[in-house]
PDB file of N, CA and C in Angstrom:
ATOM      1  N   MET A   1     -18.397  10.274 -10.646  1.00  0.00           N
ATOM      2  CA  MET A   1     -17.092   9.712 -10.369  1.00  0.00           C
ATOM      3  C   MET A   1     -16.073  10.883 -10.236  1.00  0.00           C
ATOM      4  N   ASN A   2     -15.277  10.800  -9.123  1.00  0.00           N
ATOM      5  CA  ASN A   2     -14.227  11.903  -9.010  1.00  0.00           C
ATOM      6  C   ASN A   2     -12.894  11.504  -9.671  1.00  0.00           C
ATOM      7  N   GLU A   3     -12.143  12.430 -10.149  1.00  0.00           N
ATOM      8  CA  GLU A   3     -10.928  12.213 -10.706  1.00  0.00           C
ATOM      9  C   GLU A   3      -9.807  12.698  -9.736  1.00  0.00           C
ATOM     10  N   TYR A   4      -8.718  11.979  -9.557  1.00  0.00           N
ATOM     11  CA  TYR A   4      -7.669  12.220  -8.766  1.00  0.00           C
ATOM     12  C   TYR A   4      -6.349  12.200  -9.385  1.00  0.00           C
ATOM     13  N   LEU A   5      -5.383  13.057  -9.027  1.00  0.00           N
ATOM     14  CA  LEU A   5      -3.990  13.051  -9.470  1.00  0.00           C
ATOM     15  C   LEU A   5      -3.248  12.356  -8.443  1.00  0.00           C
ATOM     16  N   ILE A   6      -2.448  11.298  -8.780  1.00  0.00           N
ATOM     17  CA  ILE A   6      -1.728  10.620  -7.836  1.00  0.00           C
ATOM     18  C   ILE A   6      -0.284  10.474  -8.212  1.00  0.00           C
ATOM     19  N   SER A   7       0.676  10.698  -7.294  1.00  0.00           N
ATOM     20  CA  SER A   7       2.127  10.401  -7.594  1.00  0.00           C
ATOM     21  C   SER A   7       2.462   9.363  -6.660  1.00  0.00           C
ATOM     22  N   LEU A   8       3.238   8.300  -7.068  1.00  0.00           N
ATOM     23  CA  LEU A   8       3.601   7.103  -6.371  1.00  0.00           C
ATOM     24  C   LEU A   8       5.043   6.805  -6.431  1.00  0.00           C
ATOM     25  N   ASP A   9       5.699   6.608  -5.298  1.00  0.00           N
ATOM     26  CA  ASP A   9       7.061   6.148  -5.312  1.00  0.00           C
ATOM     27  C   ASP A   9       7.110   4.775  -4.548  1.00  0.00           C
ATOM     28  N   ALA A  10       7.249   3.677  -5.253  1.00  0.00           N
ATOM     29  CA  ALA A  10       7.343   2.426  -4.794  1.00  0.00           C
ATOM     30  C   ALA A  10       8.832   2.105  -4.496  1.00  0.00           C
ATOM     31  N   GLY A  11       9.146   2.187  -3.223  1.00  0.00           N
ATOM     32  CA  GLY A  11      10.599   1.943  -2.859  1.00  0.00           C
ATOM     33  C   GLY A  11      10.778   0.591  -2.215  1.00  0.00           C
ATOM     34  N   LYS A  12      12.056   0.262  -1.920  1.00  0.00           N
ATOM     35  CA  LYS A  12      12.322  -1.060  -1.294  1.00  0.00           C
ATOM     36  C   LYS A  12      11.706  -1.203   0.032  1.00  0.00           C
ATOM     37  N   TYR A  13      11.683  -0.196   0.821  1.00  0.00           N
ATOM     38  CA  TYR A  13      11.311  -0.192   2.241  1.00  0.00           C
ATOM     39  C   TYR A  13       9.846   0.297   2.442  1.00  0.00           C
ATOM     40  N   ALA A  14       9.345   1.245   1.609  1.00  0.00           N
ATOM     41  CA  ALA A  14       8.101   1.827   1.713  1.00  0.00           C
ATOM     42  C   ALA A  14       7.504   2.367   0.393  1.00  0.00           C
ATOM     43  N   VAL A  15       6.112   2.352   0.246  1.00  0.00           N
ATOM     44  CA  VAL A  15       5.528   2.960  -0.872  1.00  0.00           C
ATOM     45  C   VAL A  15       4.838   4.352  -0.347  1.00  0.00           C
ATOM     46  N   LYS A  16       5.273   5.340  -1.056  1.00  0.00           N
ATOM     47  CA  LYS A  16       4.808   6.655  -0.675  1.00  0.00           C
ATOM     48  C   LYS A  16       3.887   7.146  -1.832  1.00  0.00           C
ATOM     49  N   ALA A  17       2.758   7.730  -1.441  1.00  0.00           N
ATOM     50  CA  ALA A  17       1.858   8.308  -2.507  1.00  0.00           C
ATOM     51  C   ALA A  17       1.346   9.583  -1.949  1.00  0.00           C
ATOM     52  N   MET A  18       1.154  10.556  -2.895  1.00  0.00           N
ATOM     53  CA  MET A  18       0.520  11.790  -2.590  1.00  0.00           C
ATOM     54  C   MET A  18      -0.439  12.061  -3.764  1.00  0.00           C
ATOM     55  N   GLY A  19      -1.623  12.543  -3.318  1.00  0.00           N
ATOM     56  CA  GLY A  19      -2.672  12.837  -4.402  1.00  0.00           C
ATOM     57  C   GLY A  19      -3.513  13.941  -3.997  1.00  0.00           C
ATOM     58  N   ARG A  20      -4.366  14.358  -4.846  1.00  0.00           N
ATOM     59  CA  ARG A  20      -5.419  15.427  -4.632  1.00  0.00           C
ATOM     60  C   ARG A  20      -6.432  15.269  -5.764  1.00  0.00           C
ATOM     61  N   SER A  21      -7.527  15.905  -5.510  1.00  0.00           N
ATOM     62  CA  SER A  21      -8.643  16.075  -6.508  1.00  0.00           C
ATOM     63  C   SER A  21      -8.141  16.764  -7.728  1.00  0.00           C
ATOM     64  N   SER A  22      -8.642  16.284  -8.920  1.00  0.00           N
ATOM     65  CA  SER A  22      -8.262  16.955 -10.109  1.00  0.00           C
ATOM     66  C   SER A  22      -8.743  18.415 -10.260  1.00  0.00           C
ATOM     67  N   LYS A  23      -9.680  18.722  -9.275  1.00  0.00           N
ATOM     68  CA  LYS A  23     -10.273  20.147  -9.314  1.00  0.00           C
ATOM     69  C   LYS A  23      -9.138  21.152  -8.774  1.00  0.00           C
ATOM     70  N   GLY A  24      -8.131  20.647  -8.212  1.00  0.00           N
ATOM     71  CA  GLY A  24      -7.064  21.599  -7.819  1.00  0.00           C
ATOM     72  C   GLY A  24      -7.186  22.173  -6.421  1.00  0.00           C
ATOM     73  N   LEU A  25      -8.054  21.667  -5.513  1.00  0.00           N
ATOM     74  CA  LEU A  25      -8.165  22.172  -4.225  1.00  0.00           C
ATOM     75  C   LEU A  25      -6.940  21.739  -3.416  1.00  0.00           C
ATOM     76  N   THR A  26      -6.342  22.589  -2.742  1.00  0.00           N
ATOM     77  CA  THR A  26      -5.154  22.253  -1.864  1.00  0.00           C
ATOM     78  C   THR A  26      -5.618  21.559  -0.532  1.00  0.00           C
ATOM     79  N   CYS A  27      -6.824  21.789  -0.187  1.00  0.00           N
ATOM     80  CA  CYS A  27      -7.268  21.131   1.087  1.00  0.00           C
ATOM     81  C   CYS A  27      -7.571  19.643   0.800  1.00  0.00           C
ATOM     82  N   ASP A  28      -7.568  19.241  -0.462  1.00  0.00           N
ATOM     83  CA  ASP A  28      -7.785  17.819  -0.764  1.00  0.00           C
ATOM     84  C   ASP A  28      -6.431  16.951  -0.844  1.00  0.00           C
ATOM     85  N   ILE A  29      -5.305  17.583  -0.581  1.00  0.00           N
ATOM     86  CA  ILE A  29      -4.035  16.823  -0.701  1.00  0.00           C
ATOM     87  C   ILE A  29      -4.042  15.780   0.453  1.00  0.00           C
ATOM     88  N   ARG A  30      -3.664  14.582  -0.006  1.00  0.00           N
ATOM     89  CA  ARG A  30      -3.453  13.427   0.922  1.00  0.00           C
ATOM     90  C   ARG A  30      -2.144  12.816   0.680  1.00  0.00           C
ATOM     91  N   LYS A  31      -1.460  12.363   1.784  1.00  0.00           N
ATOM     92  CA  LYS A  31      -0.197  11.693   1.737  1.00  0.00           C
ATOM     93  C   LYS A  31      -0.331  10.286   2.403  1.00  0.00           C
ATOM     94  N   VAL A  32       0.182   9.250   1.812  1.00  0.00           N
ATOM     95  CA  VAL A  32       0.194   7.859   2.383  1.00  0.00           C
ATOM     96  C   VAL A  32       1.607   7.394   2.367  1.00  0.00           C
ATOM     97  N   ASP A  33       1.978   6.805   3.521  1.00  0.00           N
ATOM     98  CA  ASP A  33       3.174   6.007   3.556  1.00  0.00           C
ATOM     99  C   ASP A  33       2.917   4.523   4.163  1.00  0.00           C
ATOM    100  N   ILE A  34       3.270   3.602   3.312  1.00  0.00           N
ATOM    101  CA  ILE A  34       2.990   2.156   3.752  1.00  0.00           C
ATOM    102  C   ILE A  34       4.350   1.422   3.557  1.00  0.00           C
ATOM    103  N   LYS A  35       4.668   0.725   4.778  1.00  0.00           N
ATOM    104  CA  LYS A  35       5.910  -0.148   4.785  1.00  0.00           C
ATOM    105  C   LYS A  35       5.714  -1.232   3.715  1.00  0.00           C
ATOM    106  N   SER A  36       6.803  -1.549   2.943  1.00  0.00           N
ATOM    107  CA  SER A  36       6.661  -2.695   1.857  1.00  0.00           C
ATOM    108  C   SER A  36       6.863  -3.985   2.510  1.00  0.00           C
ATOM    109  N   LYS A  37       5.792  -4.388   3.271  1.00  0.00           N
ATOM    110  CA  LYS A  37       5.752  -5.665   3.951  1.00  0.00           C
ATOM    111  C   LYS A  37       4.361  -6.230   3.840  1.00  0.00           C
ATOM    112  N   ILE A  38       4.337  -7.583   3.745  1.00  0.00           N
ATOM    113  CA  ILE A  38       2.968  -8.133   3.672  1.00  0.00           C
ATOM    114  C   ILE A  38       2.996  -9.413   4.655  1.00  0.00           C
ATOM    115  N   TYR A  39       1.789  -9.770   5.040  1.00  0.00           N
ATOM    116  CA  TYR A  39       1.527 -10.951   5.882  1.00  0.00           C
ATOM    117  C   TYR A  39       0.280 -11.691   5.327  1.00  0.00           C
ATOM    118  N   GLU A  40       0.418 -12.873   4.976  1.00  0.00           N
ATOM    119  CA  GLU A  40      -0.781 -13.681   4.321  1.00  0.00           C
ATOM    120  C   GLU A  40      -1.544 -14.299   5.450  1.00  0.00           C
ATOM    121  N   PHE A  41      -2.897 -14.262   5.359  1.00  0.00           N
ATOM    122  CA  PHE A  41      -3.721 -14.961   6.319  1.00  0.00           C
ATOM    123  C   PHE A  41      -3.606 -16.406   6.303  1.00  0.00           C
ATOM    124  N   LYS A  42      -3.146 -16.979   5.249  1.00  0.00           N
ATOM    125  CA  LYS A  42      -3.096 -18.506   5.267  1.00  0.00           C
ATOM    126  C   LYS A  42      -2.013 -18.902   6.312  1.00  0.00           C
ATOM    127  N   ASN A  43      -1.198 -18.010   6.844  1.00  0.00           N
ATOM    128  CA  ASN A  43      -0.202 -18.295   7.849  1.00  0.00           C
ATOM    129  C   ASN A  43      -0.820 -18.167   9.202  1.00  0.00           C
ATOM    130  N   GLY A  44      -2.043 -17.756   9.330  1.00  0.00           N
ATOM    131  CA  GLY A  44      -2.828 -17.558  10.631  1.00  0.00           C
ATOM    132  C   GLY A  44      -3.418 -16.126  10.615  1.00  0.00           C
ATOM    133  N   TYR A  45      -4.445 -16.005  11.389  1.00  0.00           N
ATOM    134  CA  TYR A  45      -5.211 -14.604  11.494  1.00  0.00           C
ATOM    135  C   TYR A  45      -4.550 -13.735  12.409  1.00  0.00           C
ATOM    136  N   ILE A  46      -4.485 -12.378  12.029  1.00  0.00           N
ATOM    137  CA  ILE A  46      -4.028 -11.363  13.043  1.00  0.00           C
ATOM    138  C   ILE A  46      -4.961 -10.157  12.731  1.00  0.00           C
ATOM    139  N   ASP A  47      -5.129  -9.256  13.593  1.00  0.00           N
ATOM    140  CA  ASP A  47      -5.875  -7.981  13.323  1.00  0.00           C
ATOM    141  C   ASP A  47      -4.916  -6.966  12.771  1.00  0.00           C
ATOM    142  N   ALA A  48      -5.413  -6.208  11.933  1.00  0.00           N
ATOM    143  CA  ALA A  48      -4.685  -4.998  11.385  1.00  0.00           C
ATOM    144  C   ALA A  48      -4.628  -3.876  12.423  1.00  0.00           C
ATOM    145  N   GLU A  49      -3.437  -3.486  12.894  1.00  0.00           N
ATOM    146  CA  GLU A  49      -3.301  -2.489  13.823  1.00  0.00           C
ATOM    147  C   GLU A  49      -2.283  -1.484  13.389  1.00  0.00           C
ATOM    148  N   GLY A  50      -2.304  -0.309  13.969  1.00  0.00           N
ATOM    149  CA  GLY A  50      -1.371   0.788  13.632  1.00  0.00           C
ATOM    150  C   GLY A  50      -1.418   1.229  12.172  1.00  0.00           C
ATOM    151  N   LYS A  51      -0.241   1.238  11.539  1.00  0.00           N
ATOM    152  CA  LYS A  51      -0.102   1.584  10.066  1.00  0.00           C
ATOM    153  C   LYS A  51      -0.080   0.351   9.232  1.00  0.00           C
ATOM    154  N   SER A  52      -1.033  -0.600   9.530  1.00  0.00           N
ATOM    155  CA  SER A  52      -1.249  -1.721   8.631  1.00  0.00           C
ATOM    156  C   SER A  52      -2.662  -1.738   8.115  1.00  0.00           C
ATOM    157  N   TYR A  53      -2.841  -2.411   7.013  1.00  0.00           N
ATOM    158  CA  TYR A  53      -4.248  -2.424   6.351  1.00  0.00           C
ATOM    159  C   TYR A  53      -4.478  -3.919   5.967  1.00  0.00           C
ATOM    160  N   LYS A  54      -5.766  -4.218   6.198  1.00  0.00           N
ATOM    161  CA  LYS A  54      -6.285  -5.544   5.694  1.00  0.00           C
ATOM    162  C   LYS A  54      -6.768  -5.347   4.273  1.00  0.00           C
ATOM    163  N   VAL A  55      -6.235  -6.207   3.349  1.00  0.00           N
ATOM    164  CA  VAL A  55      -6.472  -6.046   1.956  1.00  0.00           C
ATOM    165  C   VAL A  55      -6.963  -7.478   1.403  1.00  0.00           C
ATOM    166  N   ILE A  56      -7.882  -7.377   0.506  1.00  0.00           N
ATOM    167  CA  ILE A  56      -8.263  -8.620  -0.350  1.00  0.00           C
ATOM    168  C   ILE A  56      -7.706  -8.324  -1.760  1.00  0.00           C
ATOM    169  N   PHE A  57      -6.819  -9.056  -2.193  1.00  0.00           N
ATOM    170  CA  PHE A  57      -6.287  -8.817  -3.479  1.00  0.00           C
ATOM    171  C   PHE A  57      -6.181 -10.182  -4.279  1.00  0.00           C
ATOM    172  N   ASN A  58      -7.032 -10.282  -5.506  1.00  0.00           N
ATOM    173  CA  ASN A  58      -7.159 -11.461  -6.175  1.00  0.00           C
ATOM    174  C   ASN A  58      -7.542 -12.566  -5.371  1.00  0.00           C
ATOM    175  N   GLY A  59      -8.525 -12.429  -4.381  1.00  0.00           N
ATOM    176  CA  GLY A  59      -9.029 -13.418  -3.517  1.00  0.00           C
ATOM    177  C   GLY A  59      -8.215 -13.764  -2.296  1.00  0.00           C
ATOM    178  N   ASP A  60      -6.986 -13.264  -2.155  1.00  0.00           N
ATOM    179  CA  ASP A  60      -6.125 -13.528  -1.075  1.00  0.00           C
ATOM    180  C   ASP A  60      -6.272 -12.350  -0.013  1.00  0.00           C
ATOM    181  N   GLU A  61      -6.394 -12.777   1.231  1.00  0.00           N
ATOM    182  CA  GLU A  61      -6.476 -11.826   2.320  1.00  0.00           C
ATOM    183  C   GLU A  61      -5.019 -11.585   2.902  1.00  0.00           C
ATOM    184  N   LEU A  62      -4.698 -10.366   2.983  1.00  0.00           N
ATOM    185  CA  LEU A  62      -3.337  -9.954   3.353  1.00  0.00           C
ATOM    186  C   LEU A  62      -3.426  -8.840   4.350  1.00  0.00           C
ATOM    187  N   ILE A  63      -2.240  -8.705   5.178  1.00  0.00           N
ATOM    188  CA  ILE A  63      -2.065  -7.463   5.928  1.00  0.00           C
ATOM    189  C   ILE A  63      -0.881  -6.762   5.251  1.00  0.00           C
ATOM    190  N   VAL A  64      -1.025  -5.534   4.920  1.00  0.00           N
ATOM    191  CA  VAL A  64      -0.012  -4.750   4.229  1.00  0.00           C
ATOM    192  C   VAL A  64       0.370  -3.648   5.200  1.00  0.00           C
ATOM    193  N   GLY A  65       1.685  -3.521   5.405  1.00  0.00           N
ATOM    194  CA  GLY A  65       2.272  -2.433   6.223  1.00  0.00           C
ATOM    195  C   GLY A  65       3.182  -2.947   7.358  1.00  0.00           C
ATOM    196  N   GLU A  66       3.126  -2.239   8.492  1.00  0.00           N
ATOM    197  CA  GLU A  66       4.112  -2.523   9.597  1.00  0.00           C
ATOM    198  C   GLU A  66       4.039  -3.873  10.053  1.00  0.00           C
ATOM    199  N   GLN A  67       2.793  -4.486  10.143  1.00  0.00           N
ATOM    200  CA  GLN A  67       2.649  -5.788  10.650  1.00  0.00           C
ATOM    201  C   GLN A  67       3.121  -6.918   9.764  1.00  0.00           C
ATOM    202  N   GLY A  68       3.416  -6.611   8.566  1.00  0.00           N
ATOM    203  CA  GLY A  68       3.809  -7.599   7.596  1.00  0.00           C
ATOM    204  C   GLY A  68       5.111  -8.262   7.886  1.00  0.00           C
ATOM    205  N   GLU A  69       5.335  -9.455   7.548  1.00  0.00           N
ATOM    206  CA  GLU A  69       6.477 -10.285   7.901  1.00  0.00           C
ATOM    207  C   GLU A  69       7.418 -10.448   6.676  1.00  0.00           C
ATOM    208  N   THR A  70       6.784 -10.518   5.447  1.00  0.00           N
ATOM    209  CA  THR A  70       7.539 -10.680   4.252  1.00  0.00           C
ATOM    210  C   THR A  70       7.973  -9.431   3.711  1.00  0.00           C
ATOM    211  N   LYS A  71       9.293  -9.198   3.496  1.00  0.00           N
ATOM    212  CA  LYS A  71       9.756  -8.009   2.910  1.00  0.00           C
ATOM    213  C   LYS A  71      10.954  -8.429   1.887  1.00  0.00           C
ATOM    214  N   SER A  72      11.267  -7.424   1.054  1.00  0.00           N
ATOM    215  CA  SER A  72      12.194  -7.770  -0.030  1.00  0.00           C
ATOM    216  C   SER A  72      13.181  -6.527  -0.199  1.00  0.00           C
ATOM    217  N   TYR A  73      14.373  -6.831  -0.532  1.00  0.00           N
ATOM    218  CA  TYR A  73      15.363  -5.820  -0.788  1.00  0.00           C
ATOM    219  C   TYR A  73      15.656  -5.843  -2.305  1.00  0.00           C
ATOM    220  N   GLU A  74      14.796  -6.382  -3.123  1.00  0.00           N
ATOM    221  CA  GLU A  74      14.945  -6.324  -4.601  1.00  0.00           C
ATOM    222  C   GLU A  74      14.908  -4.871  -5.052  1.00  0.00           C
ATOM    223  N   THR A  75      15.616  -4.489  -6.104  1.00  0.00           N
ATOM    224  CA  THR A  75      15.498  -3.191  -6.698  1.00  0.00           C
ATOM    225  C   THR A  75      14.376  -3.171  -7.771  1.00  0.00           C
ATOM    226  N   SER A  76      14.040  -4.370  -8.233  1.00  0.00           N
ATOM    227  CA  SER A  76      12.816  -4.441  -9.209  1.00  0.00           C
ATOM    228  C   SER A  76      11.581  -4.284  -8.381  1.00  0.00           C
ATOM    229  N   LYS A  77      10.671  -3.551  -8.845  1.00  0.00           N
ATOM    230  CA  LYS A  77       9.361  -3.411  -8.213  1.00  0.00           C
ATOM    231  C   LYS A  77       8.301  -4.221  -8.787  1.00  0.00           C
ATOM    232  N   THR A  78       8.670  -5.402  -9.416  1.00  0.00           N
ATOM    233  CA  THR A  78       7.673  -6.220 -10.095  1.00  0.00           C
ATOM    234  C   THR A  78       7.168  -7.400  -9.238  1.00  0.00           C
ATOM    235  N   LEU A  79       7.626  -7.494  -8.007  1.00  0.00           N
ATOM    236  CA  LEU A  79       7.193  -8.550  -7.113  1.00  0.00           C
ATOM    237  C   LEU A  79       5.819  -8.341  -6.631  1.00  0.00           C
ATOM    238  N   PHE A  80       5.099  -9.427  -6.349  1.00  0.00           N
ATOM    239  CA  PHE A  80       3.761  -9.410  -5.850  1.00  0.00           C
ATOM    240  C   PHE A  80       3.539  -8.487  -4.640  1.00  0.00           C
ATOM    241  N   MET A  81       4.479  -8.511  -3.860  1.00  0.00           N
ATOM    242  CA  MET A  81       4.416  -7.625  -2.623  1.00  0.00           C
ATOM    243  C   MET A  81       4.380  -6.181  -2.935  1.00  0.00           C
ATOM    244  N   HIS A  82       5.244  -5.717  -3.877  1.00  0.00           N
ATOM    245  CA  HIS A  82       5.280  -4.387  -4.306  1.00  0.00           C
ATOM    246  C   HIS A  82       3.919  -3.891  -4.979  1.00  0.00           C
ATOM    247  N   LYS A  83       3.424  -4.819  -5.765  1.00  0.00           N
ATOM    248  CA  LYS A  83       2.185  -4.560  -6.464  1.00  0.00           C
ATOM    249  C   LYS A  83       1.044  -4.375  -5.478  1.00  0.00           C
ATOM    250  N   VAL A  84       1.007  -5.235  -4.492  1.00  0.00           N
ATOM    251  CA  VAL A  84      -0.045  -5.155  -3.546  1.00  0.00           C
ATOM    252  C   VAL A  84       0.176  -3.796  -2.674  1.00  0.00           C
ATOM    253  N   CYS A  85       1.282  -3.516  -2.343  1.00  0.00           N
ATOM    254  CA  CYS A  85       1.523  -2.282  -1.549  1.00  0.00           C
ATOM    255  C   CYS A  85       1.172  -0.984  -2.362  1.00  0.00           C
ATOM    256  N   ALA A  86       1.524  -0.945  -3.681  1.00  0.00           N
ATOM    257  CA  ALA A  86       1.057   0.116  -4.531  1.00  0.00           C
ATOM    258  C   ALA A  86      -0.342   0.248  -4.666  1.00  0.00           C
ATOM    259  N   TYR A  87      -1.155  -0.872  -4.893  1.00  0.00           N
ATOM    260  CA  TYR A  87      -2.508  -0.935  -4.937  1.00  0.00           C
ATOM    261  C   TYR A  87      -3.177  -0.374  -3.670  1.00  0.00           C
ATOM    262  N   THR A  88      -2.607  -0.844  -2.572  1.00  0.00           N
ATOM    263  CA  THR A  88      -3.142  -0.332  -1.192  1.00  0.00           C
ATOM    264  C   THR A  88      -3.035   1.182  -1.139  1.00  0.00           C
ATOM    265  N   ALA A  89      -1.840   1.736  -1.512  1.00  0.00           N
ATOM    266  CA  ALA A  89      -1.573   3.115  -1.384  1.00  0.00           C
ATOM    267  C   ALA A  89      -2.592   3.933  -2.238  1.00  0.00           C
ATOM    268  N   ILE A  90      -2.895   3.489  -3.446  1.00  0.00           N
ATOM    269  CA  ILE A  90      -3.785   4.356  -4.250  1.00  0.00           C
ATOM    270  C   ILE A  90      -5.209   4.116  -4.014  1.00  0.00           C
ATOM    271  N   THR A  91      -5.537   3.128  -3.228  1.00  0.00           N
ATOM    272  CA  THR A  91      -6.951   2.958  -2.950  1.00  0.00           C
ATOM    273  C   THR A  91      -7.265   3.397  -1.536  1.00  0.00           C
TER     274      THR A  91
END
């Protein structure tokens, strides 16, 4: 199992993550930006395109990213949407 160091910024509009292998190799650095928006498949099926990701979270199928429809301007990051976006960024 590999260990990674990850820094995550869960913002109102986007989740930004940067990480690398714990071995310290600079060539392993990865950066991810995901729009803080989700779309639930129970509203109808769409394909994930562009900077969107199909995610299964607790049995629910979702699209996370640019194609999402639900967004929030809450300053608290405890909403389901923010949790799913953070989960997607680190996986």
